[in-house]
């Protein structure tokens, strides 16, 4: 059962942009909050951005002002718009479904990931 599928990764030069998409099943999309994570080689997977069902968003300090998370309820799809990309943004990016508890987001379901590589 494929519930979350990422796409849109690829190769881009520093300063460029990419838009990642996360297609979800209807039930997963409707009843969960969503988050984008990334895993940089040699580092722990980190939460990049999250969005609640009501549209409230949170961002890691490293991407504030550059990345934007959004969701399209009609298409059951979440997005991560990434601008002003830096080589240190190179990572595998994962879409997740989960829940906010107080100020924290907890993932419960994961996509397979999509590679983003930023060259200098």
Protein backbone atom coordinates (compact mmCIF):
# COMPACT_ATOMS: atom_id res chain seq x y z
CA UNK A 1 0.00 0.00 0.00
CA UNK A 2 1.67 3.18 -1.24
CA UNK A 3 0.38 6.03 0.91
CA UNK A 4 3.01 8.76 0.39
CA UNK A 5 5.04 9.27 -2.79
CA UNK A 6 7.61 12.04 -3.18
CA UNK A 7 8.71 13.53 -6.48
CA UNK A 8 10.50 16.60 -7.80
CA UNK A 9 14.02 15.98 -6.56
CA UNK A 10 17.01 16.34 -8.81
CA UNK A 11 20.19 18.25 -9.52
CA UNK A 12 20.33 22.02 -9.20
CA UNK A 13 23.03 24.66 -8.93
CA UNK A 14 23.43 26.78 -5.82
CA UNK A 15 20.93 29.61 -5.82
CA UNK A 16 18.40 27.64 -7.81
CA UNK A 17 14.98 26.30 -6.88
CA UNK A 18 13.12 23.01 -6.72
CA UNK A 19 9.57 22.10 -5.82
CA UNK A 20 9.00 18.77 -4.13
CA UNK A 21 5.61 17.08 -4.21
CA UNK A 22 4.12 14.49 -1.89
CA UNK A 23 1.11 12.63 -3.21
CA UNK A 24 -0.90 11.00 -0.44
CA UNK A 25 -3.87 8.71 -0.20
CA UNK A 26 -7.10 10.52 0.51
CA UNK A 27 -7.46 9.14 4.03
CA UNK A 28 -3.84 9.87 4.98
CA UNK A 29 -4.00 13.39 3.64
CA UNK A 30 -7.34 14.26 5.17
CA UNK A 31 -6.71 13.02 8.69
CA UNK A 32 -3.04 13.85 9.28
CA UNK A 33 -0.68 16.73 9.68
CA UNK A 34 2.27 16.64 7.27
CA UNK A 35 6.00 17.18 7.51
CA UNK A 36 9.06 17.24 5.30
CA UNK A 37 12.27 15.76 6.66
CA UNK A 38 15.71 15.51 5.16
CA UNK A 39 18.66 13.26 5.81
CA UNK A 40 22.08 14.68 5.05
CA UNK A 41 24.83 12.06 4.68
CA UNK A 42 26.33 11.27 8.06
CA UNK A 43 23.68 13.16 9.98
CA UNK A 44 20.41 12.35 11.75
CA UNK A 45 17.19 12.82 9.85
CA UNK A 46 15.84 16.30 10.63
CA UNK A 47 12.47 17.97 10.36
CA UNK A 48 12.59 20.73 7.75
CA UNK A 49 9.00 21.95 7.68
CA UNK A 50 5.58 20.89 8.88
CA UNK A 51 2.00 21.92 8.24
CA UNK A 52 -1.19 21.22 10.14
CA UNK A 53 -4.54 20.38 8.64
CA UNK A 54 -5.54 23.96 9.33
CA UNK A 55 -2.51 25.35 7.48
CA UNK A 56 -0.26 26.35 10.37
CA UNK A 57 3.40 25.95 9.42
CA UNK A 58 6.74 25.52 11.16
CA UNK A 59 10.26 25.63 9.73
CA UNK A 60 13.72 24.70 10.79
CA UNK A 61 15.94 27.73 11.33
CA UNK A 62 18.21 26.60 8.51
CA UNK A 63 15.47 26.97 5.89
CA UNK A 64 13.40 29.89 7.15
CA UNK A 65 12.90 32.46 4.43
CA UNK A 66 13.93 30.01 1.72
CA UNK A 67 11.52 27.05 1.91
CA UNK A 68 7.72 27.04 1.90
CA UNK A 69 5.49 24.11 2.80
CA UNK A 70 1.93 23.96 1.53
CA UNK A 71 -0.90 21.51 0.98
CA UNK A 72 -3.55 21.21 -1.71
CA UNK A 73 -6.58 19.46 -0.27
CA UNK A 74 -8.23 19.00 -3.66
CA UNK A 75 -5.22 17.07 -4.98
CA UNK A 76 -4.27 15.29 -1.73
CA UNK A 77 -0.77 16.64 -2.26
CA UNK A 78 1.76 18.48 -0.13
CA UNK A 79 4.58 20.61 -1.50
CA UNK A 80 7.92 21.93 -0.44
CA UNK A 81 9.05 24.93 -2.46
CA UNK A 82 12.80 25.32 -2.05
CA UNK A 83 14.44 28.56 -3.14
CA UNK A 84 17.97 29.91 -2.83
CA UNK A 85 19.30 26.40 -2.51
CA UNK A 86 22.70 25.83 -0.96
CA UNK A 87 25.08 22.88 -1.25
CA UNK A 88 24.36 22.07 2.40
CA UNK A 89 20.72 21.44 1.43
CA UNK A 90 21.86 18.30 -0.39
CA UNK A 91 19.98 15.39 1.16
CA UNK A 92 17.30 12.81 0.70
CA UNK A 93 14.00 14.52 1.42
CA UNK A 94 11.14 12.54 2.97
CA UNK A 95 7.47 13.33 3.20
CA UNK A 96 5.66 12.20 6.32
CA UNK A 97 2.20 12.10 7.81
CA UNK A 98 1.71 12.51 11.54
CA UNK A 99 0.34 14.68 14.28
CA UNK A 100 1.15 17.80 16.22
CA UNK A 101 1.13 17.34 19.98
CA UNK A 102 1.47 20.71 21.62
CA UNK A 103 4.28 22.41 19.69
CA UNK A 104 5.89 19.19 18.44
CA UNK A 105 5.28 17.19 15.26
CA UNK A 106 5.45 13.40 15.37
CA UNK A 107 5.57 11.40 12.12
CA UNK A 108 3.83 8.05 11.81
CA UNK A 109 3.97 7.31 8.07
CA UNK A 110 6.85 7.84 5.63
CA UNK A 111 7.40 8.14 1.92
CA UNK A 112 10.38 6.58 0.17
CA UNK A 113 12.30 9.82 -0.25
CA UNK A 114 13.59 11.87 -3.15
CA UNK A 115 17.19 12.96 -3.70
CA UNK A 116 18.06 16.65 -3.87
CA UNK A 117 21.60 17.54 -4.88
CA UNK A 118 22.82 21.14 -4.94
CA UNK A 119 26.10 21.84 -6.67
CA UNK A 120 28.33 24.83 -6.04
